[in-house]
């Protein structure tokens, strides 16, 4: 839930960005307004880089890398700051996480090989979930101002305002997911959110067919609500299924596949709309969201439930042994 809560700040940032850009475009020449909007984003990146100086390294990662003294110091500092609440370990004499051992120093490519050898099903799940949401989410946001909004005669100057409304829907969707994510579990929330997003694309297609800008606006808010709840449920899900020492690599591979889909989406959607009509493009968008639903079916049947489980419980000890060169087990 904590991870999902942090991710929900993305919606707050998007809402602020849309608001700032709307103000800039309304009060400044357009050629200057959008440039200043990009400048604000650059300032935010600098603030993030500065804030990283005060974020401690993961004690699980430090322990997996053999840096046990540092891991104990981080756990002790967290315990001191929180009065011993929420550390999940006893500072500073906590033992290693169950089923793990200090890992060999590895390169990125070696870690990728270990992921595909020991966790092929988990890599596939993460990649498919991210491909599904990245194509569906970023594709929609590129497709909307190019095709959808002009189809219902929404002027370009109003588009930033529409995105503000959409971001409000996204924030509400993220907040709704926070209330059910741990209560219902990943096996319910992820496929449900992806499925509802696919249905909301159908609602937006109907609204576009009516030619009414107000119907498109409300449908756009609903899509943002469902889409944000979907990707907000997916990221913690595929982040927690990789062992600590491989987590960043596993997430990177999954998100990298998604970014390829995000790059292809605008070109493919506009090409489909031009050749087969807007309705066909909507079918394509909804179909990609359905990929996330289908990807979760094997995990719902065979995979562990992440809600209420520790990170160590979600990784099989035999596969961890393989990570350190003991055996050749495969953990899907």
C-alpha atoms as a PDB file:
ATOM      1  CA  UNK A   1       0.000   0.000   0.000  1.00  0.00           C
ATOM      2  CA  UNK A   2       2.879   2.355   0.752  1.00  0.00           C
ATOM      3  CA  UNK A   3       4.252   1.886  -2.770  1.00  0.00           C
ATOM      4  CA  UNK A   4       0.828   2.534  -4.272  1.00  0.00           C
ATOM      5  CA  UNK A   5       0.475   5.678  -2.153  1.00  0.00           C
ATOM      6  CA  UNK A   6       3.801   7.022  -3.397  1.00  0.00           C
ATOM      7  CA  UNK A   7       2.857   6.231  -7.005  1.00  0.00           C
ATOM      8  CA  UNK A   8      -0.379   8.195  -6.562  1.00  0.00           C
ATOM      9  CA  UNK A   9       1.682  11.367  -6.246  1.00  0.00           C
ATOM     10  CA  UNK A  10       2.207  10.990  -9.992  1.00  0.00           C
ATOM     11  CA  UNK A  11      -1.422  12.063 -10.423  1.00  0.00           C
ATOM     12  CA  UNK A  12      -0.863  15.063  -8.173  1.00  0.00           C
ATOM     13  CA  UNK A  13       2.188  16.038 -10.214  1.00  0.00           C
ATOM     14  CA  UNK A  14       0.293  15.608 -13.470  1.00  0.00           C
ATOM     15  CA  UNK A  15      -2.542  17.741 -12.111  1.00  0.00           C
ATOM     16  CA  UNK A  16      -0.128  20.499 -11.089  1.00  0.00           C
ATOM     17  CA  UNK A  17       1.696  20.293 -14.428  1.00  0.00           C
ATOM     18  CA  UNK A  18      -1.543  20.577 -16.394  1.00  0.00           C
ATOM     19  CA  UNK A  19      -2.648  23.511 -14.254  1.00  0.00           C
ATOM     20  CA  UNK A  20       0.655  25.343 -14.625  1.00  0.00           C
ATOM     21  CA  UNK A  21       0.694  24.757 -18.374  1.00  0.00           C
ATOM     22  CA  UNK A  22      -2.895  25.982 -18.698  1.00  0.00           C
ATOM     23  CA  UNK A  23      -1.962  29.201 -16.901  1.00  0.00           C
ATOM     24  CA  UNK A  24       1.155  29.687 -19.038  1.00  0.00           C
ATOM     25  CA  UNK A  25      -0.742  29.152 -22.290  1.00  0.00           C
ATOM     26  CA  UNK A  26      -3.525  31.493 -21.203  1.00  0.00           C
ATOM     27  CA  UNK A  27      -1.269  34.364 -20.100  1.00  0.00           C
ATOM     28  CA  UNK A  28       1.791  34.039 -22.352  1.00  0.00           C
ATOM     29  CA  UNK A  29       2.419  33.622 -26.068  1.00  0.00           C
ATOM     30  CA  UNK A  30       1.992  29.903 -26.907  1.00  0.00           C
ATOM     31  CA  UNK A  31       5.562  29.585 -28.196  1.00  0.00           C
ATOM     32  CA  UNK A  32       6.851  30.753 -24.807  1.00  0.00           C
ATOM     33  CA  UNK A  33       4.218  29.105 -22.606  1.00  0.00           C
ATOM     34  CA  UNK A  34       4.961  25.475 -23.474  1.00  0.00           C
ATOM     35  CA  UNK A  35       8.700  26.085 -23.174  1.00  0.00           C
ATOM     36  CA  UNK A  36       8.296  27.448 -19.662  1.00  0.00           C
ATOM     37  CA  UNK A  37       6.175  24.402 -18.871  1.00  0.00           C
ATOM     38  CA  UNK A  38       9.083  22.160 -19.830  1.00  0.00           C
ATOM     39  CA  UNK A  39      11.363  24.345 -17.696  1.00  0.00           C
ATOM     40  CA  UNK A  40       9.219  23.713 -14.624  1.00  0.00           C
ATOM     41  CA  UNK A  41       9.641  19.989 -15.235  1.00  0.00           C
ATOM     42  CA  UNK A  42      13.409  20.415 -15.347  1.00  0.00           C
ATOM     43  CA  UNK A  43      13.347  22.196 -11.979  1.00  0.00           C
ATOM     44  CA  UNK A  44      11.344  19.322 -10.500  1.00  0.00           C
ATOM     45  CA  UNK A  45      13.983  16.864 -11.755  1.00  0.00           C
ATOM     46  CA  UNK A  46      16.716  18.865 -10.019  1.00  0.00           C
ATOM     47  CA  UNK A  47      14.734  18.809  -6.763  1.00  0.00           C
ATOM     48  CA  UNK A  48      14.406  15.036  -7.075  1.00  0.00           C
ATOM     49  CA  UNK A  49      18.159  14.633  -7.583  1.00  0.00           C
ATOM     50  CA  UNK A  50      18.800  16.724  -4.460  1.00  0.00           C
ATOM     51  CA  UNK A  51      16.270  14.749  -2.385  1.00  0.00           C
ATOM     52  CA  UNK A  52      17.989  11.440  -3.236  1.00  0.00           C
ATOM     53  CA  UNK A  53      20.846  12.470  -0.947  1.00  0.00           C
ATOM     54  CA  UNK A  54      18.588  11.918   2.061  1.00  0.00           C
ATOM     55  CA  UNK A  55      17.010   8.592   1.025  1.00  0.00           C
ATOM     56  CA  UNK A  56      18.664   5.551   2.666  1.00  0.00           C
ATOM     57  CA  UNK A  57      19.556   2.488   0.619  1.00  0.00           C
ATOM     58  CA  UNK A  58      17.306  -0.565   0.942  1.00  0.00           C
ATOM     59  CA  UNK A  59      18.574  -2.741   3.822  1.00  0.00           C
ATOM     60  CA  UNK A  60      17.408  -5.853   1.956  1.00  0.00           C
ATOM     61  CA  UNK A  61      19.511  -4.865  -1.041  1.00  0.00           C
ATOM     62  CA  UNK A  62      22.524  -4.082   1.136  1.00  0.00           C
ATOM     63  CA  UNK A  63      22.215  -7.448   2.857  1.00  0.00           C
ATOM     64  CA  UNK A  64      21.879  -9.286  -0.449  1.00  0.00           C
ATOM     65  CA  UNK A  65      25.076  -7.582  -1.613  1.00  0.00           C
ATOM     66  CA  UNK A  66      26.945  -8.686   1.503  1.00  0.00           C
ATOM     67  CA  UNK A  67      27.032  -5.203   3.090  1.00  0.00           C
ATOM     68  CA  UNK A  68      25.549  -6.381   6.372  1.00  0.00           C
ATOM     69  CA  UNK A  69      26.904  -3.663   8.640  1.00  0.00           C
ATOM     70  CA  UNK A  70      25.379  -0.961   6.449  1.00  0.00           C
ATOM     71  CA  UNK A  71      22.083  -2.865   6.364  1.00  0.00           C
ATOM     72  CA  UNK A  72      21.968  -3.020  10.164  1.00  0.00           C
ATOM     73  CA  UNK A  73      22.741   0.705  10.433  1.00  0.00           C
ATOM     74  CA  UNK A  74      19.895   1.585   8.042  1.00  0.00           C
ATOM     75  CA  UNK A  75      17.444  -0.647   9.943  1.00  0.00           C
ATOM     76  CA  UNK A  76      18.595   0.865  13.240  1.00  0.00           C
ATOM     77  CA  UNK A  77      18.148   4.404  11.869  1.00  0.00           C
ATOM     78  CA  UNK A  78      14.643   3.601  10.625  1.00  0.00           C
ATOM     79  CA  UNK A  79      13.801   2.037  13.969  1.00  0.00           C
ATOM     80  CA  UNK A  80      15.061   5.088  15.835  1.00  0.00           C
ATOM     81  CA  UNK A  81      13.126   7.458  13.575  1.00  0.00           C
ATOM     82  CA  UNK A  82       9.864   5.517  13.903  1.00  0.00           C
ATOM     83  CA  UNK A  83      10.170   4.386  17.498  1.00  0.00           C
ATOM     84  CA  UNK A  84      10.605   0.788  16.350  1.00  0.00           C
ATOM     85  CA  UNK A  85       7.363   0.729  14.330  1.00  0.00           C
ATOM     86  CA  UNK A  86       7.210  -0.601  10.785  1.00  0.00           C
ATOM     87  CA  UNK A  87      10.843  -1.695  10.430  1.00  0.00           C
ATOM     88  CA  UNK A  88       9.984  -5.355   9.843  1.00  0.00           C
ATOM     89  CA  UNK A  89      13.254  -6.348  11.536  1.00  0.00           C
ATOM     90  CA  UNK A  90      15.098  -6.064  14.846  1.00  0.00           C
ATOM     91  CA  UNK A  91      17.776  -3.387  14.739  1.00  0.00           C
ATOM     92  CA  UNK A  92      20.655  -3.747  14.505  1.00  0.00           C
ATOM     93  CA  UNK A  93      21.157  -7.475  14.999  1.00  0.00           C
ATOM     94  CA  UNK A  94      18.571  -8.593  12.476  1.00  0.00           C
ATOM     95  CA  UNK A  95      19.439 -11.743  10.590  1.00  0.00           C
ATOM     96  CA  UNK A  96      19.267 -12.143   6.841  1.00  0.00           C
ATOM     97  CA  UNK A  97      15.900 -12.303   5.114  1.00  0.00           C
ATOM     98  CA  UNK A  98      14.502 -15.804   4.993  1.00  0.00           C
ATOM     99  CA  UNK A  99      15.894 -17.917   2.174  1.00  0.00           C
ATOM    100  CA  UNK A 100      18.452 -15.378   1.000  1.00  0.00           C
ATOM    101  CA  UNK A 101      22.211 -15.099   1.044  1.00  0.00           C
ATOM    102  CA  UNK A 102      24.774 -12.491   0.058  1.00  0.00           C
ATOM    103  CA  UNK A 103      24.974 -12.433  -3.728  1.00  0.00           C
ATOM    104  CA  UNK A 104      27.955 -12.229  -6.020  1.00  0.00           C
ATOM    105  CA  UNK A 105      28.669  -8.880  -7.589  1.00  0.00           C
ATOM    106  CA  UNK A 106      26.922  -9.053 -10.940  1.00  0.00           C
ATOM    107  CA  UNK A 107      26.643  -6.973 -14.048  1.00  0.00           C
ATOM    108  CA  UNK A 108      23.371  -5.837 -15.519  1.00  0.00           C
ATOM    109  CA  UNK A 109      23.528  -8.402 -18.314  1.00  0.00           C
ATOM    110  CA  UNK A 110      24.268 -11.228 -15.908  1.00  0.00           C
ATOM    111  CA  UNK A 111      21.247 -10.224 -13.840  1.00  0.00           C
ATOM    112  CA  UNK A 112      19.103 -10.180 -16.980  1.00  0.00           C
ATOM    113  CA  UNK A 113      20.251 -13.715 -17.793  1.00  0.00           C
ATOM    114  CA  UNK A 114      19.417 -14.848 -14.260  1.00  0.00           C
ATOM    115  CA  UNK A 115      15.966 -13.272 -14.527  1.00  0.00           C
ATOM    116  CA  UNK A 116      15.134 -15.045 -17.769  1.00  0.00           C
ATOM    117  CA  UNK A 117      16.572 -18.349 -16.525  1.00  0.00           C
ATOM    118  CA  UNK A 118      15.050 -18.402 -13.038  1.00  0.00           C
ATOM    119  CA  UNK A 119      11.975 -16.173 -13.334  1.00  0.00           C
ATOM    120  CA  UNK A 120      10.720 -16.306 -16.949  1.00  0.00           C
ATOM    121  CA  UNK A 121       7.053 -16.240 -15.946  1.00  0.00           C
ATOM    122  CA  UNK A 122       7.541 -13.254 -13.667  1.00  0.00           C
ATOM    123  CA  UNK A 123       9.463 -11.340 -16.319  1.00  0.00           C
ATOM    124  CA  UNK A 124       6.675 -12.105 -18.789  1.00  0.00           C
ATOM    125  CA  UNK A 125       4.046 -10.913 -16.311  1.00  0.00           C
ATOM    126  CA  UNK A 126       5.848  -7.644 -15.613  1.00  0.00           C
ATOM    127  CA  UNK A 127       6.529  -6.983 -19.292  1.00  0.00           C
ATOM    128  CA  UNK A 128       2.962  -7.743 -20.395  1.00  0.00           C
ATOM    129  CA  UNK A 129       1.409  -5.635 -17.639  1.00  0.00           C
ATOM    130  CA  UNK A 130       3.602  -2.679 -18.543  1.00  0.00           C
ATOM    131  CA  UNK A 131       3.171  -3.101 -22.307  1.00  0.00           C
ATOM    132  CA  UNK A 132      -0.590  -3.214 -21.763  1.00  0.00           C
ATOM    133  CA  UNK A 133      -0.817  -0.074 -19.659  1.00  0.00           C
ATOM    134  CA  UNK A 134       1.889   1.920 -21.459  1.00  0.00           C
ATOM    135  CA  UNK A 135       0.316   1.409 -24.885  1.00  0.00           C
ATOM    136  CA  UNK A 136      -3.173   2.014 -23.534  1.00  0.00           C
ATOM    137  CA  UNK A 137      -2.361   4.974 -21.297  1.00  0.00           C
ATOM    138  CA  UNK A 138       0.215   6.937 -23.282  1.00  0.00           C
ATOM    139  CA  UNK A 139      -1.436   5.955 -26.540  1.00  0.00           C
ATOM    140  CA  UNK A 140      -4.687   7.499 -25.365  1.00  0.00           C
ATOM    141  CA  UNK A 141      -3.016  10.732 -24.271  1.00  0.00           C
ATOM    142  CA  UNK A 142      -1.319  11.097 -27.636  1.00  0.00           C
ATOM    143  CA  UNK A 143      -4.417  10.008 -29.555  1.00  0.00           C
ATOM    144  CA  UNK A 144      -6.862  12.275 -27.734  1.00  0.00           C
ATOM    145  CA  UNK A 145      -5.544  15.711 -28.827  1.00  0.00           C
ATOM    146  CA  UNK A 146      -4.752  14.451 -32.331  1.00  0.00           C
ATOM    147  CA  UNK A 147      -8.007  12.689 -33.151  1.00  0.00           C
ATOM    148  CA  UNK A 148     -10.599  12.511 -30.355  1.00  0.00           C
ATOM    149  CA  UNK A 149     -10.851  16.159 -29.308  1.00  0.00           C
ATOM    150  CA  UNK A 150     -10.853  17.536 -32.873  1.00  0.00           C
ATOM    151  CA  UNK A 151     -13.601  15.014 -33.739  1.00  0.00           C
ATOM    152  CA  UNK A 152     -15.942  16.753 -31.271  1.00  0.00           C
ATOM    153  CA  UNK A 153     -14.691  20.262 -32.147  1.00  0.00           C
ATOM    154  CA  UNK A 154     -12.817  20.986 -28.917  1.00  0.00           C
ATOM    155  CA  UNK A 155     -10.425  23.888 -29.615  1.00  0.00           C
ATOM    156  CA  UNK A 156      -6.716  23.420 -29.014  1.00  0.00           C
ATOM    157  CA  UNK A 157      -6.652  26.165 -26.362  1.00  0.00           C
ATOM    158  CA  UNK A 158      -9.041  24.136 -24.179  1.00  0.00           C
ATOM    159  CA  UNK A 159      -7.074  20.893 -24.274  1.00  0.00           C
ATOM    160  CA  UNK A 160      -4.891  21.672 -21.208  1.00  0.00           C
ATOM    161  CA  UNK A 161      -8.074  22.311 -19.210  1.00  0.00           C
ATOM    162  CA  UNK A 162      -9.462  18.952 -20.297  1.00  0.00           C
ATOM    163  CA  UNK A 163      -6.279  17.303 -19.106  1.00  0.00           C
ATOM    164  CA  UNK A 164      -6.756  18.995 -15.729  1.00  0.00           C
ATOM    165  CA  UNK A 165     -10.184  17.373 -15.453  1.00  0.00           C
ATOM    166  CA  UNK A 166      -8.666  14.085 -16.553  1.00  0.00           C
ATOM    167  CA  UNK A 167      -5.965  14.348 -13.896  1.00  0.00           C
ATOM    168  CA  UNK A 168      -8.629  14.913 -11.248  1.00  0.00           C
ATOM    169  CA  UNK A 169     -10.206  11.651 -12.362  1.00  0.00           C
ATOM    170  CA  UNK A 170      -6.772   9.989 -12.235  1.00  0.00           C
ATOM    171  CA  UNK A 171      -6.188  11.207  -8.681  1.00  0.00           C
ATOM    172  CA  UNK A 172      -9.565   9.847  -7.609  1.00  0.00           C
ATOM    173  CA  UNK A 173      -8.813   6.528  -9.304  1.00  0.00           C
ATOM    174  CA  UNK A 174      -5.507   6.255  -7.477  1.00  0.00           C
ATOM    175  CA  UNK A 175      -7.151   7.083  -4.161  1.00  0.00           C
ATOM    176  CA  UNK A 176      -9.823   4.443  -4.789  1.00  0.00           C
ATOM    177  CA  UNK A 177      -7.152   1.832  -5.518  1.00  0.00           C
ATOM    178  CA  UNK A 178      -5.406   2.678  -2.246  1.00  0.00           C
ATOM    179  CA  UNK A 179      -8.528   1.725  -0.300  1.00  0.00           C
ATOM    180  CA  UNK A 180      -8.833  -1.761  -1.844  1.00  0.00           C
ATOM    181  CA  UNK A 181      -5.325  -2.731  -2.979  1.00  0.00           C
ATOM    182  CA  UNK A 182      -4.293  -4.608   0.180  1.00  0.00           C
ATOM    183  CA  UNK A 183      -7.842  -5.472   1.233  1.00  0.00           C
ATOM    184  CA  UNK A 184      -8.801  -7.243  -1.994  1.00  0.00           C
ATOM    185  CA  UNK A 185      -5.318  -8.396  -2.989  1.00  0.00           C
ATOM    186  CA  UNK A 186      -3.395  -8.153  -6.243  1.00  0.00           C
ATOM    187  CA  UNK A 187      -5.168 -11.092  -7.880  1.00  0.00           C
ATOM    188  CA  UNK A 188      -8.466  -9.208  -7.751  1.00  0.00           C
ATOM    189  CA  UNK A 189      -7.505  -5.570  -8.116  1.00  0.00           C
ATOM    190  CA  UNK A 190      -5.127  -5.826 -11.091  1.00  0.00           C
ATOM    191  CA  UNK A 191      -7.336  -7.752 -13.570  1.00  0.00           C
ATOM    192  CA  UNK A 192     -10.424  -5.857 -12.380  1.00  0.00           C
ATOM    193  CA  UNK A 193      -8.792  -2.464 -12.947  1.00  0.00           C
ATOM    194  CA  UNK A 194      -7.433  -3.433 -16.368  1.00  0.00           C
ATOM    195  CA  UNK A 195     -10.796  -4.859 -17.394  1.00  0.00           C
ATOM    196  CA  UNK A 196     -12.676  -1.758 -16.276  1.00  0.00           C
ATOM    197  CA  UNK A 197     -10.237   0.412 -18.223  1.00  0.00           C
ATOM    198  CA  UNK A 198     -10.935  -1.589 -21.385  1.00  0.00           C
ATOM    199  CA  UNK A 199     -14.658  -1.042 -20.808  1.00  0.00           C
ATOM    200  CA  UNK A 200     -14.097   2.673 -20.206  1.00  0.00           C
ATOM    201  CA  UNK A 201     -12.402   2.904 -23.609  1.00  0.00           C
ATOM    202  CA  UNK A 202     -15.671   1.595 -25.051  1.00  0.00           C
ATOM    203  CA  UNK A 203     -17.504   4.336 -23.170  1.00  0.00           C
ATOM    204  CA  UNK A 204     -15.189   6.954 -24.664  1.00  0.00           C
ATOM    205  CA  UNK A 205     -15.750   5.496 -28.135  1.00  0.00           C
ATOM    206  CA  UNK A 206     -19.512   5.844 -27.666  1.00  0.00           C
ATOM    207  CA  UNK A 207     -19.099   9.427 -26.429  1.00  0.00           C
ATOM    208  CA  UNK A 208     -16.983  10.292 -29.464  1.00  0.00           C
ATOM    209  CA  UNK A 209     -19.629   8.821 -31.766  1.00  0.00           C
ATOM    210  CA  UNK A 210     -22.263  11.136 -30.237  1.00  0.00           C
ATOM    211  CA  UNK A 211     -20.233  14.177 -31.288  1.00  0.00           C
ATOM    212  CA  UNK A 212     -20.888  15.855 -27.921  1.00  0.00           C
ATOM    213  CA  UNK A 213     -17.883  17.470 -26.233  1.00  0.00           C
ATOM    214  CA  UNK A 214     -19.456  17.157 -22.774  1.00  0.00           C
ATOM    215  CA  UNK A 215     -19.888  13.384 -23.201  1.00  0.00           C
ATOM    216  CA  UNK A 216     -16.263  13.053 -24.290  1.00  0.00           C
ATOM    217  CA  UNK A 217     -15.126  15.090 -21.275  1.00  0.00           C
ATOM    218  CA  UNK A 218     -16.945  12.913 -18.750  1.00  0.00           C
ATOM    219  CA  UNK A 219     -15.846   9.732 -20.495  1.00  0.00           C
ATOM    220  CA  UNK A 220     -12.265  11.007 -20.532  1.00  0.00           C
ATOM    221  CA  UNK A 221     -12.462  11.498 -16.754  1.00  0.00           C
ATOM    222  CA  UNK A 222     -13.747   7.923 -16.333  1.00  0.00           C
ATOM    223  CA  UNK A 223     -10.918   6.540 -18.496  1.00  0.00           C
ATOM    224  CA  UNK A 224      -8.364   8.425 -16.396  1.00  0.00           C
ATOM    225  CA  UNK A 225      -9.968   7.085 -13.213  1.00  0.00           C
ATOM    226  CA  UNK A 226      -9.822   3.471 -14.395  1.00  0.00           C
ATOM    227  CA  UNK A 227      -6.480   3.696 -16.213  1.00  0.00           C
ATOM    228  CA  UNK A 228      -4.642   5.209 -13.271  1.00  0.00           C
ATOM    229  CA  UNK A 229      -6.070   2.642 -10.869  1.00  0.00           C
ATOM    230  CA  UNK A 230      -4.866  -0.052 -13.301  1.00  0.00           C
ATOM    231  CA  UNK A 231      -1.257   0.998 -13.674  1.00  0.00           C
ATOM    232  CA  UNK A 232      -1.067   1.952 -10.003  1.00  0.00           C
ATOM    233  CA  UNK A 233      -2.052  -1.617  -9.086  1.00  0.00           C
ATOM    234  CA  UNK A 234       0.344  -3.132 -11.628  1.00  0.00           C
ATOM    235  CA  UNK A 235       3.595  -1.421 -10.638  1.00  0.00           C
ATOM    236  CA  UNK A 236       3.707  -2.622  -7.008  1.00  0.00           C
ATOM    237  CA  UNK A 237       2.569  -6.065  -8.181  1.00  0.00           C
ATOM    238  CA  UNK A 238       5.415  -6.729 -10.580  1.00  0.00           C
ATOM    239  CA  UNK A 239       7.876  -4.869  -8.354  1.00  0.00           C
ATOM    240  CA  UNK A 240       7.397  -7.252  -5.439  1.00  0.00           C
ATOM    241  CA  UNK A 241       7.728 -10.560  -7.328  1.00  0.00           C
ATOM    242  CA  UNK A 242      11.473 -10.268  -8.015  1.00  0.00           C
ATOM    243  CA  UNK A 243      14.149 -10.967  -5.364  1.00  0.00           C
ATOM    244  CA  UNK A 244      15.677  -7.856  -3.845  1.00  0.00           C
ATOM    245  CA  UNK A 245      19.039  -8.068  -5.616  1.00  0.00           C
ATOM    246  CA  UNK A 246      17.255  -8.403  -8.973  1.00  0.00           C
ATOM    247  CA  UNK A 247      14.321  -6.095  -8.364  1.00  0.00           C
ATOM    248  CA  UNK A 248      15.614  -3.002 -10.127  1.00  0.00           C
ATOM    249  CA  UNK A 249      16.683  -5.082 -13.122  1.00  0.00           C
ATOM    250  CA  UNK A 250      13.344  -6.875 -13.254  1.00  0.00           C
ATOM    251  CA  UNK A 251      11.436  -3.616 -13.062  1.00  0.00           C
ATOM    252  CA  UNK A 252      13.754  -2.071 -15.649  1.00  0.00           C
ATOM    253  CA  UNK A 253      13.189  -4.898 -18.128  1.00  0.00           C
ATOM    254  CA  UNK A 254       9.415  -4.748 -17.588  1.00  0.00           C
ATOM    255  CA  UNK A 255       9.186  -0.974 -17.915  1.00  0.00           C
ATOM    256  CA  UNK A 256      11.593  -0.982 -20.867  1.00  0.00           C
ATOM    257  CA  UNK A 257       9.217  -3.253 -22.779  1.00  0.00           C
ATOM    258  CA  UNK A 258       6.387  -0.903 -21.860  1.00  0.00           C
ATOM    259  CA  UNK A 259       8.240   2.140 -23.140  1.00  0.00           C
ATOM    260  CA  UNK A 260       8.687   0.472 -26.517  1.00  0.00           C
ATOM    261  CA  UNK A 261       4.911  -0.009 -26.636  1.00  0.00           C
ATOM    262  CA  UNK A 262       4.380   3.609 -25.551  1.00  0.00           C
ATOM    263  CA  UNK A 263       6.594   4.823 -28.406  1.00  0.00           C
ATOM    264  CA  UNK A 264       4.729   2.724 -30.957  1.00  0.00           C
ATOM    265  CA  UNK A 265       1.228   3.565 -29.704  1.00  0.00           C
ATOM    266  CA  UNK A 266       0.732   7.101 -31.127  1.00  0.00           C
ATOM    267  CA  UNK A 267       2.009   6.141 -34.580  1.00  0.00           C
ATOM    268  CA  UNK A 268       0.005   2.920 -34.726  1.00  0.00           C
ATOM    269  CA  UNK A 269      -3.209   4.428 -33.360  1.00  0.00           C
ATOM    270  CA  UNK A 270      -3.219   7.383 -35.752  1.00  0.00           C
ATOM    271  CA  UNK A 271      -2.393   5.100 -38.684  1.00  0.00           C
ATOM    272  CA  UNK A 272      -5.247   2.734 -37.779  1.00  0.00           C
ATOM    273  CA  UNK A 273      -7.635   5.677 -37.343  1.00  0.00           C
ATOM    274  CA  UNK A 274      -6.648   7.094 -40.735  1.00  0.00           C
ATOM    275  CA  UNK A 275      -7.058   3.798 -42.591  1.00  0.00           C
ATOM    276  CA  UNK A 276      -9.798   1.945 -40.704  1.00  0.00           C
ATOM    277  CA  UNK A 277     -11.548   4.685 -38.740  1.00  0.00           C
ATOM    278  CA  UNK A 278     -11.552   5.948 -35.174  1.00  0.00           C
ATOM    279  CA  UNK A 279     -13.619   2.979 -34.016  1.00  0.00           C
ATOM    280  CA  UNK A 280     -10.877   0.540 -35.034  1.00  0.00           C
ATOM    281  CA  UNK A 281      -8.332   2.582 -33.074  1.00  0.00           C
ATOM    282  CA  UNK A 282     -10.561   2.364 -30.003  1.00  0.00           C
ATOM    283  CA  UNK A 283     -10.769  -1.409 -30.419  1.00  0.00           C
ATOM    284  CA  UNK A 284      -6.968  -1.522 -30.527  1.00  0.00           C
ATOM    285  CA  UNK A 285      -6.706   0.540 -27.338  1.00  0.00           C
ATOM    286  CA  UNK A 286      -9.194  -1.644 -25.500  1.00  0.00           C
ATOM    287  CA  UNK A 287      -7.457  -4.768 -26.775  1.00  0.00           C
ATOM    288  CA  UNK A 288      -4.145  -3.720 -25.298  1.00  0.00           C
ATOM    289  CA  UNK A 289      -5.770  -3.162 -21.909  1.00  0.00           C
ATOM    290  CA  UNK A 290      -7.196  -6.683 -22.158  1.00  0.00           C
ATOM    291  CA  UNK A 291      -3.627  -8.009 -22.490  1.00  0.00           C
ATOM    292  CA  UNK A 292      -3.122  -7.078 -18.833  1.00  0.00           C
ATOM    293  CA  UNK A 293      -6.211  -9.065 -17.840  1.00  0.00           C
ATOM    294  CA  UNK A 294      -5.015 -12.128 -19.749  1.00  0.00           C
ATOM    295  CA  UNK A 295      -1.493 -11.822 -18.327  1.00  0.00           C
ATOM    296  CA  UNK A 296      -2.837 -12.019 -14.779  1.00  0.00           C
ATOM    297  CA  UNK A 297      -4.792 -15.254 -15.317  1.00  0.00           C
ATOM    298  CA  UNK A 298      -1.797 -17.636 -14.906  1.00  0.00           C
ATOM    299  CA  UNK A 299      -0.584 -15.628 -11.922  1.00  0.00           C
ATOM    300  CA  UNK A 300      -4.021 -15.733 -10.302  1.00  0.00           C
ATOM    301  CA  UNK A 301      -4.002 -19.524 -10.655  1.00  0.00           C
ATOM    302  CA  UNK A 302      -0.389 -20.414  -9.864  1.00  0.00           C
ATOM    303  CA  UNK A 303       1.292 -17.327  -8.373  1.00  0.00           C
ATOM    304  CA  UNK A 304       1.404 -16.197  -4.730  1.00  0.00           C
ATOM    305  CA  UNK A 305      -0.772 -13.391  -3.410  1.00  0.00           C
ATOM    306  CA  UNK A 306       1.346 -10.373  -2.526  1.00  0.00           C
ATOM    307  CA  UNK A 307      -1.087  -8.701  -0.115  1.00  0.00           C
ATOM    308  CA  UNK A 308       0.015  -9.333   3.457  1.00  0.00           C
ATOM    309  CA  UNK A 309       3.097 -11.325   2.411  1.00  0.00           C
ATOM    310  CA  UNK A 310       6.714 -10.372   2.984  1.00  0.00           C
ATOM    311  CA  UNK A 311       8.997  -9.862   0.012  1.00  0.00           C
ATOM    312  CA  UNK A 312      10.922 -13.003   0.960  1.00  0.00           C
ATOM    313  CA  UNK A 313       7.752 -15.112   0.963  1.00  0.00           C
ATOM    314  CA  UNK A 314       7.115 -14.185  -2.670  1.00  0.00           C
ATOM    315  CA  UNK A 315      10.449 -15.630  -3.859  1.00  0.00           C
ATOM    316  CA  UNK A 316      11.066 -19.373  -3.835  1.00  0.00           C
ATOM    317  CA  UNK A 317      14.207 -20.448  -1.945  1.00  0.00           C
ATOM    318  CA  UNK A 318      15.231 -22.891  -4.701  1.00  0.00           C
ATOM    319  CA  UNK A 319      15.221 -20.114  -7.270  1.00  0.00           C
ATOM    320  CA  UNK A 320      17.294 -17.990  -4.906  1.00  0.00           C
ATOM    321  CA  UNK A 321      19.776 -20.826  -4.714  1.00  0.00           C
ATOM    322  CA  UNK A 322      19.979 -20.793  -8.487  1.00  0.00           C
ATOM    323  CA  UNK A 323      20.695 -17.060  -8.302  1.00  0.00           C
ATOM    324  CA  UNK A 324      23.894 -17.951  -6.471  1.00  0.00           C
ATOM    325  CA  UNK A 325      24.887 -20.758  -8.777  1.00  0.00           C
ATOM    326  CA  UNK A 326      23.321 -23.653  -6.827  1.00  0.00           C
ATOM    327  CA  UNK A 327      21.080 -25.755  -9.059  1.00  0.00           C
ATOM    328  CA  UNK A 328      19.220 -24.824 -12.224  1.00  0.00           C
ATOM    329  CA  UNK A 329      15.655 -24.478 -11.033  1.00  0.00           C
ATOM    330  CA  UNK A 330      13.204 -22.414 -12.975  1.00  0.00           C
ATOM    331  CA  UNK A 331      10.679 -20.288 -11.118  1.00  0.00           C
ATOM    332  CA  UNK A 332       7.878 -18.979 -13.297  1.00  0.00           C
END
